Amino acid sequence: MLELRSTGNSHSSIDLRADGTGDPKILFDLNGASAFVMGVDNSDGNKFKISGHYQLGTNPRLTIDSSGNSTFSGTVTVDGGTSSSLIIEKDATGGAAVRFHNAGSQISYIQLDADENMTHYGASGVDQIFYAHGAQALTLTSGAATFAGSITSSGNLIVNTAGNSLP
């Protein structure tokens, strides 16, 4: 057991320093269970990592670079019981997006731009149901082109057949 105690107004801290090419890290190891390690990966741009292995950078589960960009490996679950939310915050001048990739290639995204306009993109063959506030309120498209159309904000139904573009 390690105990760090401060008295008065001083701080308690642990300083793990690697002055050479090694990685400062902490290993969590239970007998008979998979190990976890967290630390700074010197050989990968000094990124902070949590890995599902005793070696930092092997089976990375979370990676945070020096700019604050984070990469999660596996499924991210938001579980707040009966009231769960995933919030993507943007500032007044920027945008926010959810992007979907397959084998490293973007196949679809939903984006809120700086003007509060919602846009979307789906690669060829990706079926979509999309709502956007404005003149074109609801759009249904199908890569199989069995139906493509929209319902405008005034309630008009516009139906297109395969090969025709939406207004």
Foldseek 3Di string as FASTA:
>chain_A
DDDFDDPDPDDTDDDQDDPDQDWRKDKDDDVPAFIWMWTFHSVPQRWTFIARHRDTPHRTQWTAHPVGDIDGPDDDDFPPDPDTDDDDDDDLQAKDKDFDDDPRHTAKMWMQGNVRWIDMDGHQQDWDWDATPDQFGIWGQGSVQPWTWTQGPVGDTGTDGPPDDYD
